[in-house]
């Protein structure tokens, strides 16, 4: 069981993020759900990039097993993109709040349907 703990944690985080995104009417909660889902994907890539007993890829004759640093570098880039996406999503939520006086999806749709 402990050998697969990381994968179970990723699965649980993915389900939690997906549920928060789909089940919530609040736009901020949807953004938080997307961030939880993104975090689970980051965790999955980092878990898969680690090689047990591996070392940094430094050319030395005493080391034969190396860990690939590429997944970790890609996740650093993905984290930067995630922060920028979150900032943009929250800025859009603020603009929606100014326009509709609500951040609840059902209120926004009802107001849109009421307008001719």
PDB file of N, CA and C in Angstrom:
ATOM      1  N   UNK A   1       0.821  -1.199   0.000  1.00  0.00           N
ATOM      2  CA  UNK A   1       0.000   0.000   0.000  1.00  0.00           C
ATOM      3  C   UNK A   1       0.858   1.253   0.000  1.00  0.00           C
ATOM      4  N   UNK A   2       1.934   1.266   0.787  1.00  0.00           N
ATOM      5  CA  UNK A   2       2.761   2.465   0.877  1.00  0.00           C
ATOM      6  C   UNK A   2       3.506   2.743  -0.429  1.00  0.00           C
ATOM      7  N   UNK A   3       3.692   1.711  -1.242  1.00  0.00           N
ATOM      8  CA  UNK A   3       4.374   1.921  -2.519  1.00  0.00           C
ATOM      9  C   UNK A   3       3.511   2.739  -3.478  1.00  0.00           C
ATOM     10  N   UNK A   4       2.216   2.671  -3.288  1.00  0.00           N
ATOM     11  CA  UNK A   4       1.302   3.389  -4.176  1.00  0.00           C
ATOM     12  C   UNK A   4       0.635   4.589  -3.499  1.00  0.00           C
ATOM     13  N   UNK A   5       1.147   5.004  -2.352  1.00  0.00           N
ATOM     14  CA  UNK A   5       0.534   6.115  -1.617  1.00  0.00           C
ATOM     15  C   UNK A   5       0.475   7.389  -2.460  1.00  0.00           C
ATOM     16  N   UNK A   6       1.545   7.688  -3.186  1.00  0.00           N
ATOM     17  CA  UNK A   6       1.570   8.905  -4.004  1.00  0.00           C
ATOM     18  C   UNK A   6       0.477   8.881  -5.075  1.00  0.00           C
ATOM     19  N   UNK A   7       0.266   7.733  -5.665  1.00  0.00           N
ATOM     20  CA  UNK A   7      -0.747   7.639  -6.710  1.00  0.00           C
ATOM     21  C   UNK A   7      -2.159   7.758  -6.127  1.00  0.00           C
ATOM     22  N   UNK A   8      -2.365   7.205  -4.935  1.00  0.00           N
ATOM     23  CA  UNK A   8      -3.668   7.355  -4.278  1.00  0.00           C
ATOM     24  C   UNK A   8      -3.904   8.809  -3.889  1.00  0.00           C
ATOM     25  N   UNK A   9      -2.848   9.492  -3.442  1.00  0.00           N
ATOM     26  CA  UNK A   9      -2.971  10.909  -3.091  1.00  0.00           C
ATOM     27  C   UNK A   9      -3.293  11.736  -4.327  1.00  0.00           C
ATOM     28  N   UNK A  10      -2.644  11.431  -5.441  1.00  0.00           N
ATOM     29  CA  UNK A  10      -2.928  12.131  -6.695  1.00  0.00           C
ATOM     30  C   UNK A  10      -4.365  11.891  -7.115  1.00  0.00           C
ATOM     31  N   UNK A  11      -4.801  10.654  -7.030  1.00  0.00           N
ATOM     32  CA  UNK A  11      -6.171  10.309  -7.407  1.00  0.00           C
ATOM     33  C   UNK A  11      -7.177  11.051  -6.528  1.00  0.00           C
ATOM     34  N   UNK A  12      -6.925  11.089  -5.218  1.00  0.00           N
ATOM     35  CA  UNK A  12      -7.832  11.783  -4.294  1.00  0.00           C
ATOM     36  C   UNK A  12      -7.862  13.282  -4.579  1.00  0.00           C
ATOM     37  N   UNK A  13      -6.708  13.872  -4.833  1.00  0.00           N
ATOM     38  CA  UNK A  13      -6.660  15.311  -5.143  1.00  0.00           C
ATOM     39  C   UNK A  13      -7.362  15.613  -6.465  1.00  0.00           C
ATOM     40  N   UNK A  14      -7.184  14.742  -7.449  1.00  0.00           N
ATOM     41  CA  UNK A  14      -7.871  14.944  -8.719  1.00  0.00           C
ATOM     42  C   UNK A  14      -9.386  14.903  -8.545  1.00  0.00           C
ATOM     43  N   UNK A  15      -9.862  13.907  -7.799  1.00  0.00           N
ATOM     44  CA  UNK A  15     -11.302  13.807  -7.561  1.00  0.00           C
ATOM     45  C   UNK A  15     -11.821  15.007  -6.776  1.00  0.00           C
ATOM     46  N   UNK A  16     -11.072  15.434  -5.774  1.00  0.00           N
ATOM     47  CA  UNK A  16     -11.479  16.587  -4.979  1.00  0.00           C
ATOM     48  C   UNK A  16     -11.541  17.852  -5.829  1.00  0.00           C
ATOM     49  N   UNK A  17     -10.530  18.071  -6.651  1.00  0.00           N
ATOM     50  CA  UNK A  17     -10.517  19.241  -7.525  1.00  0.00           C
ATOM     51  C   UNK A  17     -11.614  19.203  -8.565  1.00  0.00           C
ATOM     52  N   UNK A  18     -11.842  18.037  -9.150  1.00  0.00           N
ATOM     53  CA  UNK A  18     -12.906  17.892 -10.145  1.00  0.00           C
ATOM     54  C   UNK A  18     -14.272  18.111  -9.517  1.00  0.00           C
ATOM     55  N   UNK A  19     -14.474  17.556  -8.323  1.00  0.00           N
ATOM     56  CA  UNK A  19     -15.750  17.746  -7.632  1.00  0.00           C
ATOM     57  C   UNK A  19     -15.978  19.217  -7.287  1.00  0.00           C
ATOM     58  N   UNK A  20     -14.947  19.879  -6.784  1.00  0.00           N
ATOM     59  CA  UNK A  20     -15.080  21.292  -6.431  1.00  0.00           C
ATOM     60  C   UNK A  20     -15.378  22.146  -7.655  1.00  0.00           C
ATOM     61  N   UNK A  21     -14.819  21.786  -8.777  1.00  0.00           N
ATOM     62  CA  UNK A  21     -15.053  22.549 -10.002  1.00  0.00           C
ATOM     63  C   UNK A  21     -16.461  22.332 -10.543  1.00  0.00           C
ATOM     64  N   UNK A  22     -16.930  21.111 -10.509  1.00  0.00           N
ATOM     65  CA  UNK A  22     -18.235  20.800 -11.092  1.00  0.00           C
ATOM     66  C   UNK A  22     -19.384  21.135 -10.137  1.00  0.00           C
ATOM     67  N   UNK A  23     -19.239  20.825  -8.859  1.00  0.00           N
ATOM     68  CA  UNK A  23     -20.360  20.914  -7.926  1.00  0.00           C
ATOM     69  C   UNK A  23     -20.639  22.321  -7.430  1.00  0.00           C
ATOM     70  N   UNK A  24     -19.661  23.190  -7.464  1.00  0.00           N
ATOM     71  CA  UNK A  24     -19.837  24.515  -6.874  1.00  0.00           C
ATOM     72  C   UNK A  24     -20.424  25.499  -7.871  1.00  0.00           C
ATOM     73  N   UNK A  25     -21.254  26.406  -7.354  1.00  0.00           N
ATOM     74  CA  UNK A  25     -21.809  27.488  -8.165  1.00  0.00           C
ATOM     75  C   UNK A  25     -20.964  28.752  -8.045  1.00  0.00           C
ATOM     76  N   UNK A  26     -20.158  28.810  -7.000  1.00  0.00           N
ATOM     77  CA  UNK A  26     -19.334  29.980  -6.737  1.00  0.00           C
ATOM     78  C   UNK A  26     -18.099  29.959  -7.640  1.00  0.00           C
ATOM     79  N   UNK A  27     -17.837  31.062  -8.323  1.00  0.00           N
ATOM     80  CA  UNK A  27     -16.728  31.106  -9.280  1.00  0.00           C
ATOM     81  C   UNK A  27     -15.365  31.014  -8.604  1.00  0.00           C
ATOM     82  N   UNK A  28     -15.232  31.589  -7.406  1.00  0.00           N
ATOM     83  CA  UNK A  28     -13.953  31.496  -6.693  1.00  0.00           C
ATOM     84  C   UNK A  28     -13.689  30.044  -6.281  1.00  0.00           C
ATOM     85  N   UNK A  29     -14.719  29.337  -5.853  1.00  0.00           N
ATOM     86  CA  UNK A  29     -14.557  27.920  -5.497  1.00  0.00           C
ATOM     87  C   UNK A  29     -14.193  27.087  -6.721  1.00  0.00           C
ATOM     88  N   UNK A  30     -14.703  27.470  -7.884  1.00  0.00           N
ATOM     89  CA  UNK A  30     -14.321  26.770  -9.114  1.00  0.00           C
ATOM     90  C   UNK A  30     -12.840  26.972  -9.423  1.00  0.00           C
ATOM     91  N   UNK A  31     -12.347  28.183  -9.216  1.00  0.00           N
ATOM     92  CA  UNK A  31     -10.925  28.470  -9.438  1.00  0.00           C
ATOM     93  C   UNK A  31     -10.072  27.678  -8.448  1.00  0.00           C
ATOM     94  N   UNK A  32     -10.495  27.614  -7.202  1.00  0.00           N
ATOM     95  CA  UNK A  32      -9.762  26.829  -6.205  1.00  0.00           C
ATOM     96  C   UNK A  32      -9.770  25.346  -6.591  1.00  0.00           C
ATOM     97  N   UNK A  33     -10.910  24.841  -7.076  1.00  0.00           N
ATOM     98  CA  UNK A  33     -10.981  23.452  -7.530  1.00  0.00           C
ATOM     99  C   UNK A  33     -10.021  23.174  -8.678  1.00  0.00           C
ATOM    100  N   UNK A  34      -9.934  24.107  -9.613  1.00  0.00           N
ATOM    101  CA  UNK A  34      -8.979  23.944 -10.714  1.00  0.00           C
ATOM    102  C   UNK A  34      -7.541  23.937 -10.205  1.00  0.00           C
ATOM    103  N   UNK A  35      -7.247  24.766  -9.216  1.00  0.00           N
ATOM    104  CA  UNK A  35      -5.892  24.781  -8.646  1.00  0.00           C
ATOM    105  C   UNK A  35      -5.569  23.472  -7.942  1.00  0.00           C
ATOM    106  N   UNK A  36      -6.538  22.904  -7.251  1.00  0.00           N
ATOM    107  CA  UNK A  36      -6.320  21.602  -6.597  1.00  0.00           C
ATOM    108  C   UNK A  36      -6.060  20.533  -7.657  1.00  0.00           C
ATOM    109  N   UNK A  37      -6.828  20.563  -8.734  1.00  0.00           N
ATOM    110  CA  UNK A  37      -6.622  19.603  -9.820  1.00  0.00           C
ATOM    111  C   UNK A  37      -5.229  19.771 -10.439  1.00  0.00           C
ATOM    112  N   UNK A  38      -4.819  21.021 -10.682  1.00  0.00           N
ATOM    113  CA  UNK A  38      -3.489  21.277 -11.237  1.00  0.00           C
ATOM    114  C   UNK A  38      -2.399  20.783 -10.294  1.00  0.00           C
ATOM    115  N   UNK A  39      -2.592  20.980  -9.000  1.00  0.00           N
ATOM    116  CA  UNK A  39      -1.608  20.528  -8.024  1.00  0.00           C
ATOM    117  C   UNK A  39      -1.458  19.010  -8.059  1.00  0.00           C
ATOM    118  N   UNK A  40      -2.565  18.312  -8.257  1.00  0.00           N
ATOM    119  CA  UNK A  40      -2.475  16.853  -8.338  1.00  0.00           C
ATOM    120  C   UNK A  40      -1.676  16.413  -9.560  1.00  0.00           C
ATOM    121  N   UNK A  41      -1.834  17.123 -10.653  1.00  0.00           N
ATOM    122  CA  UNK A  41      -1.053  16.795 -11.854  1.00  0.00           C
ATOM    123  C   UNK A  41       0.434  17.072 -11.611  1.00  0.00           C
ATOM    124  N   UNK A  42       0.738  18.179 -10.936  1.00  0.00           N
ATOM    125  CA  UNK A  42       2.140  18.470 -10.601  1.00  0.00           C
ATOM    126  C   UNK A  42       2.723  17.356  -9.734  1.00  0.00           C
ATOM    127  N   UNK A  43       1.951  16.951  -8.749  1.00  0.00           N
ATOM    128  CA  UNK A  43       2.389  15.891  -7.843  1.00  0.00           C
ATOM    129  C   UNK A  43       2.633  14.590  -8.602  1.00  0.00           C
ATOM    130  N   UNK A  44       1.767  14.280  -9.557  1.00  0.00           N
ATOM    131  CA  UNK A  44       1.932  13.070 -10.355  1.00  0.00           C
ATOM    132  C   UNK A  44       3.225  13.114 -11.165  1.00  0.00           C
ATOM    133  N   UNK A  45       3.493  14.226 -11.832  1.00  0.00           N
ATOM    134  CA  UNK A  45       4.704  14.330 -12.643  1.00  0.00           C
ATOM    135  C   UNK A  45       5.957  14.253 -11.784  1.00  0.00           C
ATOM    136  N   UNK A  46       5.941  14.913 -10.627  1.00  0.00           N
ATOM    137  CA  UNK A  46       7.117  14.878  -9.753  1.00  0.00           C
ATOM    138  C   UNK A  46       7.335  13.468  -9.222  1.00  0.00           C
ATOM    139  N   UNK A  47       6.250  12.782  -8.879  1.00  0.00           N
ATOM    140  CA  UNK A  47       6.352  11.406  -8.390  1.00  0.00           C
ATOM    141  C   UNK A  47       6.937  10.490  -9.467  1.00  0.00           C
ATOM    142  N   UNK A  48       6.481  10.662 -10.692  1.00  0.00           N
ATOM    143  CA  UNK A  48       6.964   9.796 -11.768  1.00  0.00           C
ATOM    144  C   UNK A  48       8.400  10.127 -12.158  1.00  0.00           C
ATOM    145  N   UNK A  49       8.859  11.343 -11.901  1.00  0.00           N
ATOM    146  CA  UNK A  49      10.210  11.741 -12.278  1.00  0.00           C
ATOM    147  C   UNK A  49      11.276  11.282 -11.307  1.00  0.00           C
ATOM    148  N   UNK A  50      10.874  10.843 -10.129  1.00  0.00           N
ATOM    149  CA  UNK A  50      11.848  10.404  -9.131  1.00  0.00           C
ATOM    150  C   UNK A  50      12.199   8.943  -9.322  1.00  0.00           C
ATOM    151  N   UNK A  51      13.489   8.670  -9.346  1.00  0.00           N
ATOM    152  CA  UNK A  51      13.991   7.302  -9.463  1.00  0.00           C
ATOM    153  C   UNK A  51      14.594   6.926  -8.121  1.00  0.00           C
ATOM    154  N   UNK A  52      14.106   5.848  -7.523  1.00  0.00           N
ATOM    155  CA  UNK A  52      14.619   5.399  -6.229  1.00  0.00           C
ATOM    156  C   UNK A  52      16.096   5.053  -6.311  1.00  0.00           C
ATOM    157  N   UNK A  53      16.874   5.680  -5.447  1.00  0.00           N
ATOM    158  CA  UNK A  53      18.316   5.428  -5.436  1.00  0.00           C
ATOM    159  C   UNK A  53      19.077   6.193  -6.503  1.00  0.00           C
ATOM    160  N   UNK A  54      18.375   6.966  -7.321  1.00  0.00           N
ATOM    161  CA  UNK A  54      19.030   7.735  -8.373  1.00  0.00           C
ATOM    162  C   UNK A  54      19.633   9.014  -7.837  1.00  0.00           C
ATOM    163  N   UNK A  55      20.575   9.537  -8.552  1.00  0.00           N
ATOM    164  CA  UNK A  55      21.233  10.787  -8.168  1.00  0.00           C
ATOM    165  C   UNK A  55      21.094  11.794  -9.302  1.00  0.00           C
ATOM    166  N   UNK A  56      21.545  12.993  -9.055  1.00  0.00           N
ATOM    167  CA  UNK A  56      21.516  14.022 -10.092  1.00  0.00           C
ATOM    168  C   UNK A  56      22.392  13.571 -11.254  1.00  0.00           C
ATOM    169  N   UNK A  57      22.030  13.953 -12.473  1.00  0.00           N
ATOM    170  CA  UNK A  57      22.802  13.482 -13.638  1.00  0.00           C
ATOM    171  C   UNK A  57      24.153  14.198 -13.767  1.00  0.00           C
ATOM    172  N   UNK A  58      25.079  13.783 -12.921  1.00  0.00           N
ATOM    173  CA  UNK A  58      26.438  14.324 -12.937  1.00  0.00           C
ATOM    174  C   UNK A  58      27.346  13.205 -13.433  1.00  0.00           C
ATOM    175  N   UNK A  59      28.129  13.517 -14.446  1.00  0.00           N
ATOM    176  CA  UNK A  59      28.993  12.493 -15.039  1.00  0.00           C
ATOM    177  C   UNK A  59      30.099  12.119 -14.060  1.00  0.00           C
ATOM    178  N   UNK A  60      29.947  10.954 -13.463  1.00  0.00           N
ATOM    179  CA  UNK A  60      30.942  10.439 -12.532  1.00  0.00           C
ATOM    180  C   UNK A  60      30.898   8.913 -12.628  1.00  0.00           C
ATOM    181  N   UNK A  61      32.039   8.299 -12.550  1.00  0.00           N
ATOM    182  CA  UNK A  61      32.096   6.853 -12.746  1.00  0.00           C
ATOM    183  C   UNK A  61      31.487   6.070 -11.579  1.00  0.00           C
ATOM    184  N   UNK A  62      31.359   6.673 -10.406  1.00  0.00           N
ATOM    185  CA  UNK A  62      30.801   5.933  -9.270  1.00  0.00           C
ATOM    186  C   UNK A  62      29.281   5.870  -9.285  1.00  0.00           C
ATOM    187  N   UNK A  63      28.631   6.685 -10.101  1.00  0.00           N
ATOM    188  CA  UNK A  63      27.173   6.673 -10.183  1.00  0.00           C
ATOM    189  C   UNK A  63      26.732   6.002 -11.477  1.00  0.00           C
ATOM    190  N   UNK A  64      25.727   5.132 -11.348  1.00  0.00           N
ATOM    191  CA  UNK A  64      25.214   4.460 -12.544  1.00  0.00           C
ATOM    192  C   UNK A  64      23.724   4.695 -12.743  1.00  0.00           C
ATOM    193  N   UNK A  65      23.024   5.120 -11.689  1.00  0.00           N
ATOM    194  CA  UNK A  65      21.581   5.330 -11.761  1.00  0.00           C
ATOM    195  C   UNK A  65      21.279   6.809 -11.555  1.00  0.00           C
ATOM    196  N   UNK A  66      20.624   7.402 -12.538  1.00  0.00           N
ATOM    197  CA  UNK A  66      20.356   8.831 -12.497  1.00  0.00           C
ATOM    198  C   UNK A  66      18.858   9.114 -12.510  1.00  0.00           C
ATOM    199  N   UNK A  67      18.478  10.217 -11.879  1.00  0.00           N
ATOM    200  CA  UNK A  67      17.111  10.724 -11.963  1.00  0.00           C
ATOM    201  C   UNK A  67      17.054  11.755 -13.069  1.00  0.00           C
ATOM    202  N   UNK A  68      15.976  11.732 -13.832  1.00  0.00           N
ATOM    203  CA  UNK A  68      15.803  12.679 -14.919  1.00  0.00           C
ATOM    204  C   UNK A  68      15.274  14.000 -14.353  1.00  0.00           C
ATOM    205  N   UNK A  69      15.981  15.117 -14.561  1.00  0.00           N
ATOM    206  CA  UNK A  69      15.518  16.397 -14.020  1.00  0.00           C
ATOM    207  C   UNK A  69      14.452  17.075 -14.887  1.00  0.00           C
ATOM    208  N   UNK A  70      14.195  16.562 -16.072  1.00  0.00           N
ATOM    209  CA  UNK A  70      13.259  17.213 -16.979  1.00  0.00           C
ATOM    210  C   UNK A  70      11.846  17.342 -16.421  1.00  0.00           C
ATOM    211  N   UNK A  71      11.251  16.311 -15.801  1.00  0.00           N
ATOM    212  CA  UNK A  71       9.902  16.499 -15.242  1.00  0.00           C
ATOM    213  C   UNK A  71       9.837  17.615 -14.197  1.00  0.00           C
ATOM    214  N   UNK A  72      10.880  17.741 -13.396  1.00  0.00           N
ATOM    215  CA  UNK A  72      10.891  18.780 -12.373  1.00  0.00           C
ATOM    216  C   UNK A  72      10.979  20.170 -12.998  1.00  0.00           C
ATOM    217  N   UNK A  73      11.759  20.296 -14.043  1.00  0.00           N
ATOM    218  CA  UNK A  73      11.866  21.581 -14.738  1.00  0.00           C
ATOM    219  C   UNK A  73      10.543  21.937 -15.410  1.00  0.00           C
ATOM    220  N   UNK A  74       9.892  20.957 -16.009  1.00  0.00           N
ATOM    221  CA  UNK A  74       8.595  21.208 -16.640  1.00  0.00           C
ATOM    222  C   UNK A  74       7.545  21.612 -15.611  1.00  0.00           C
ATOM    223  N   UNK A  75       7.602  21.031 -14.430  1.00  0.00           N
ATOM    224  CA  UNK A  75       6.646  21.386 -13.384  1.00  0.00           C
ATOM    225  C   UNK A  75       6.905  22.797 -12.882  1.00  0.00           C
ATOM    226  N   UNK A  76       8.150  23.213 -12.786  1.00  0.00           N
ATOM    227  CA  UNK A  76       8.423  24.600 -12.406  1.00  0.00           C
ATOM    228  C   UNK A  76       7.798  25.568 -13.406  1.00  0.00           C
ATOM    229  N   UNK A  77       7.911  25.258 -14.676  1.00  0.00           N
ATOM    230  CA  UNK A  77       7.284  26.090 -15.700  1.00  0.00           C
ATOM    231  C   UNK A  77       5.766  26.039 -15.582  1.00  0.00           C
ATOM    232  N   UNK A  78       5.216  24.868 -15.323  1.00  0.00           N
ATOM    233  CA  UNK A  78       3.767  24.724 -15.189  1.00  0.00           C
ATOM    234  C   UNK A  78       3.242  25.477 -13.966  1.00  0.00           C
ATOM    235  N   UNK A  79       4.022  25.536 -12.899  1.00  0.00           N
ATOM    236  CA  UNK A  79       3.610  26.286 -11.719  1.00  0.00           C
ATOM    237  C   UNK A  79       3.521  27.770 -12.035  1.00  0.00           C
ATOM    238  N   UNK A  80       4.464  28.283 -12.785  1.00  0.00           N
ATOM    239  CA  UNK A  80       4.418  29.697 -13.184  1.00  0.00           C
ATOM    240  C   UNK A  80       3.185  29.966 -14.041  1.00  0.00           C
ATOM    241  N   UNK A  81       2.908  29.087 -14.969  1.00  0.00           N
ATOM    242  CA  UNK A  81       1.716  29.242 -15.812  1.00  0.00           C
ATOM    243  C   UNK A  81       0.452  29.130 -14.963  1.00  0.00           C
ATOM    244  N   UNK A  82       0.443  28.232 -13.991  1.00  0.00           N
ATOM    245  CA  UNK A  82      -0.704  28.067 -13.112  1.00  0.00           C
ATOM    246  C   UNK A  82      -0.975  29.327 -12.294  1.00  0.00           C
ATOM    247  N   UNK A  83       0.066  29.949 -11.782  1.00  0.00           N
ATOM    248  CA  UNK A  83      -0.106  31.186 -11.016  1.00  0.00           C
ATOM    249  C   UNK A  83      -0.661  32.292 -11.908  1.00  0.00           C
ATOM    250  N   UNK A  84      -0.146  32.392 -13.125  1.00  0.00           N
ATOM    251  CA  UNK A  84      -0.652  33.413 -14.051  1.00  0.00           C
ATOM    252  C   UNK A  84      -2.104  33.139 -14.432  1.00  0.00           C
ATOM    253  N   UNK A  85      -2.449  31.885 -14.653  1.00  0.00           N
ATOM    254  CA  UNK A  85      -3.825  31.526 -14.992  1.00  0.00           C
ATOM    255  C   UNK A  85      -4.766  31.823 -13.831  1.00  0.00           C
ATOM    256  N   UNK A  86      -4.329  31.523 -12.626  1.00  0.00           N
ATOM    257  CA  UNK A  86      -5.142  31.811 -11.444  1.00  0.00           C
ATOM    258  C   UNK A  86      -5.352  33.314 -11.276  1.00  0.00           C
ATOM    259  N   UNK A  87      -4.306  34.087 -11.486  1.00  0.00           N
ATOM    260  CA  UNK A  87      -4.433  35.540 -11.382  1.00  0.00           C
ATOM    261  C   UNK A  87      -5.420  36.073 -12.417  1.00  0.00           C
ATOM    262  N   UNK A  88      -5.342  35.571 -13.624  1.00  0.00           N
ATOM    263  CA  UNK A  88      -6.276  35.992 -14.669  1.00  0.00           C
ATOM    264  C   UNK A  88      -7.703  35.580 -14.331  1.00  0.00           C
ATOM    265  N   UNK A  89      -7.884  34.349 -13.846  1.00  0.00           N
ATOM    266  CA  UNK A  89      -9.228  33.876 -13.493  1.00  0.00           C
ATOM    267  C   UNK A  89      -9.821  34.710 -12.363  1.00  0.00           C
ATOM    268  N   UNK A  90      -9.026  35.042 -11.363  1.00  0.00           N
ATOM    269  CA  UNK A  90      -9.540  35.854 -10.262  1.00  0.00           C
ATOM    270  C   UNK A  90      -9.825  37.288 -10.705  1.00  0.00           C
ATOM    271  N   UNK A  91      -9.027  37.809 -11.638  1.00  0.00           N
ATOM    272  CA  UNK A  91      -9.320  39.135 -12.188  1.00  0.00           C
ATOM    273  C   UNK A  91     -10.638  39.116 -12.959  1.00  0.00           C
ATOM    274  N   UNK A  92     -10.887  38.050 -13.692  1.00  0.00           N
ATOM    275  CA  UNK A  92     -12.167  37.918 -14.394  1.00  0.00           C
ATOM    276  C   UNK A  92     -13.333  37.790 -13.415  1.00  0.00           C
ATOM    277  N   UNK A  93     -13.125  37.084 -12.315  1.00  0.00           N
ATOM    278  CA  UNK A  93     -14.168  36.972 -11.304  1.00  0.00           C
ATOM    279  C   UNK A  93     -14.487  38.346 -10.713  1.00  0.00           C
ATOM    280  N   UNK A  94     -13.469  39.142 -10.502  1.00  0.00           N
ATOM    281  CA  UNK A  94     -13.694  40.505  -9.997  1.00  0.00           C
ATOM    282  C   UNK A  94     -14.506  41.328 -10.991  1.00  0.00           C
ATOM    283  N   UNK A  95     -14.179  41.235 -12.261  1.00  0.00           N
ATOM    284  CA  UNK A  95     -14.929  41.973 -13.289  1.00  0.00           C
ATOM    285  C   UNK A  95     -16.367  41.464 -13.397  1.00  0.00           C
ATOM    286  N   UNK A  96     -16.562  40.171 -13.274  1.00  0.00           N
ATOM    287  CA  UNK A  96     -17.914  39.612 -13.292  1.00  0.00           C
ATOM    288  C   UNK A  96     -18.694  40.119 -12.086  1.00  0.00           C
ATOM    289  N   UNK A  97     -18.046  40.182 -10.943  1.00  0.00           N
ATOM    290  CA  UNK A  97     -18.698  40.687  -9.726  1.00  0.00           C
ATOM    291  C   UNK A  97     -19.113  42.139  -9.909  1.00  0.00           C
ATOM    292  N   UNK A  98     -18.278  42.935 -10.563  1.00  0.00           N
ATOM    293  CA  UNK A  98     -18.625  44.333 -10.812  1.00  0.00           C
ATOM    294  C   UNK A  98     -19.798  44.456 -11.778  1.00  0.00           C
ATOM    295  N   UNK A  99     -19.870  43.578 -12.754  1.00  0.00           N
ATOM    296  CA  UNK A  99     -20.924  43.659 -13.768  1.00  0.00           C
ATOM    297  C   UNK A  99     -22.254  43.069 -13.302  1.00  0.00           C
ATOM    298  N   UNK A 100     -22.201  41.959 -12.554  1.00  0.00           N
ATOM    299  CA  UNK A 100     -23.415  41.234 -12.201  1.00  0.00           C
ATOM    300  C   UNK A 100     -23.770  41.316 -10.711  1.00  0.00           C
ATOM    301  N   UNK A 101     -22.916  41.894  -9.902  1.00  0.00           N
ATOM    302  CA  UNK A 101     -23.111  41.987  -8.445  1.00  0.00           C
ATOM    303  C   UNK A 101     -23.222  40.618  -7.784  1.00  0.00           C
ATOM    304  N   UNK A 102     -22.655  39.614  -8.384  1.00  0.00           N
ATOM    305  CA  UNK A 102     -22.663  38.270  -7.827  1.00  0.00           C
ATOM    306  C   UNK A 102     -21.554  37.443  -8.471  1.00  0.00           C
ATOM    307  N   UNK A 103     -21.091  36.449  -7.723  1.00  0.00           N
ATOM    308  CA  UNK A 103     -20.132  35.503  -8.305  1.00  0.00           C
ATOM    309  C   UNK A 103     -20.711  34.091  -8.313  1.00  0.00           C
ATOM    310  N   UNK A 104     -22.014  33.987  -8.104  1.00  0.00           N
ATOM    311  CA  UNK A 104     -22.708  32.709  -8.191  1.00  0.00           C
ATOM    312  C   UNK A 104     -23.160  32.489  -9.632  1.00  0.00           C
ATOM    313  N   UNK A 105     -22.798  31.352 -10.182  1.00  0.00           N
ATOM    314  CA  UNK A 105     -23.082  31.056 -11.588  1.00  0.00           C
ATOM    315  C   UNK A 105     -24.573  31.084 -11.902  1.00  0.00           C
ATOM    316  N   UNK A 106     -25.389  30.574 -11.000  1.00  0.00           N
ATOM    317  CA  UNK A 106     -26.837  30.551 -11.249  1.00  0.00           C
ATOM    318  C   UNK A 106     -27.415  31.969 -11.278  1.00  0.00           C
ATOM    319  N   UNK A 107     -26.934  32.862 -10.423  1.00  0.00           N
ATOM    320  CA  UNK A 107     -27.402  34.252 -10.439  1.00  0.00           C
ATOM    321  C   UNK A 107     -27.014  34.952 -11.741  1.00  0.00           C
ATOM    322  N   UNK A 108     -25.815  34.685 -12.206  1.00  0.00           N
ATOM    323  CA  UNK A 108     -25.333  35.310 -13.442  1.00  0.00           C
ATOM    324  C   UNK A 108     -26.153  34.827 -14.634  1.00  0.00           C
ATOM    325  N   UNK A 109     -26.412  33.514 -14.695  1.00  0.00           N
ATOM    326  CA  UNK A 109     -27.218  32.974 -15.792  1.00  0.00           C
ATOM    327  C   UNK A 109     -28.650  33.489 -15.734  1.00  0.00           C
ATOM    328  N   UNK A 110     -29.221  33.618 -14.542  1.00  0.00           N
ATOM    329  CA  UNK A 110     -30.575  34.134 -14.411  1.00  0.00           C
ATOM    330  C   UNK A 110     -30.653  35.577 -14.860  1.00  0.00           C
ATOM    331  N   UNK A 111     -29.656  36.359 -14.531  1.00  0.00           N
ATOM    332  CA  UNK A 111     -29.645  37.764 -14.963  1.00  0.00           C
ATOM    333  C   UNK A 111     -29.455  37.886 -16.469  1.00  0.00           C
ATOM    334  N   UNK A 112     -28.641  37.015 -17.038  1.00  0.00           N
ATOM    335  CA  UNK A 112     -28.470  37.025 -18.494  1.00  0.00           C
ATOM    336  C   UNK A 112     -29.756  36.632 -19.223  1.00  0.00           C
ATOM    337  N   UNK A 113     -30.475  35.646 -18.693  1.00  0.00           N
ATOM    338  CA  UNK A 113     -31.712  35.207 -19.326  1.00  0.00           C
ATOM    339  C   UNK A 113     -32.822  36.235 -19.166  1.00  0.00           C
ATOM    340  N   UNK A 114     -32.762  37.054 -18.112  1.00  0.00           N
ATOM    341  CA  UNK A 114     -33.798  38.075 -17.872  1.00  0.00           C
ATOM    342  C   UNK A 114     -33.631  39.266 -18.799  1.00  0.00           C
ATOM    343  N   UNK A 115     -32.426  39.502 -19.260  1.00  0.00           N
ATOM    344  CA  UNK A 115     -32.195  40.644 -20.158  1.00  0.00           C
ATOM    345  C   UNK A 115     -32.630  40.274 -21.575  1.00  0.00           C
ATOM    346  N   UNK A 116     -33.250  41.258 -22.282  1.00  0.00           N
ATOM    347  CA  UNK A 116     -33.706  40.962 -23.655  1.00  0.00           C
ATOM    348  C   UNK A 116     -32.577  40.830 -24.648  1.00  0.00           C
TER     349      UNK A 116
END
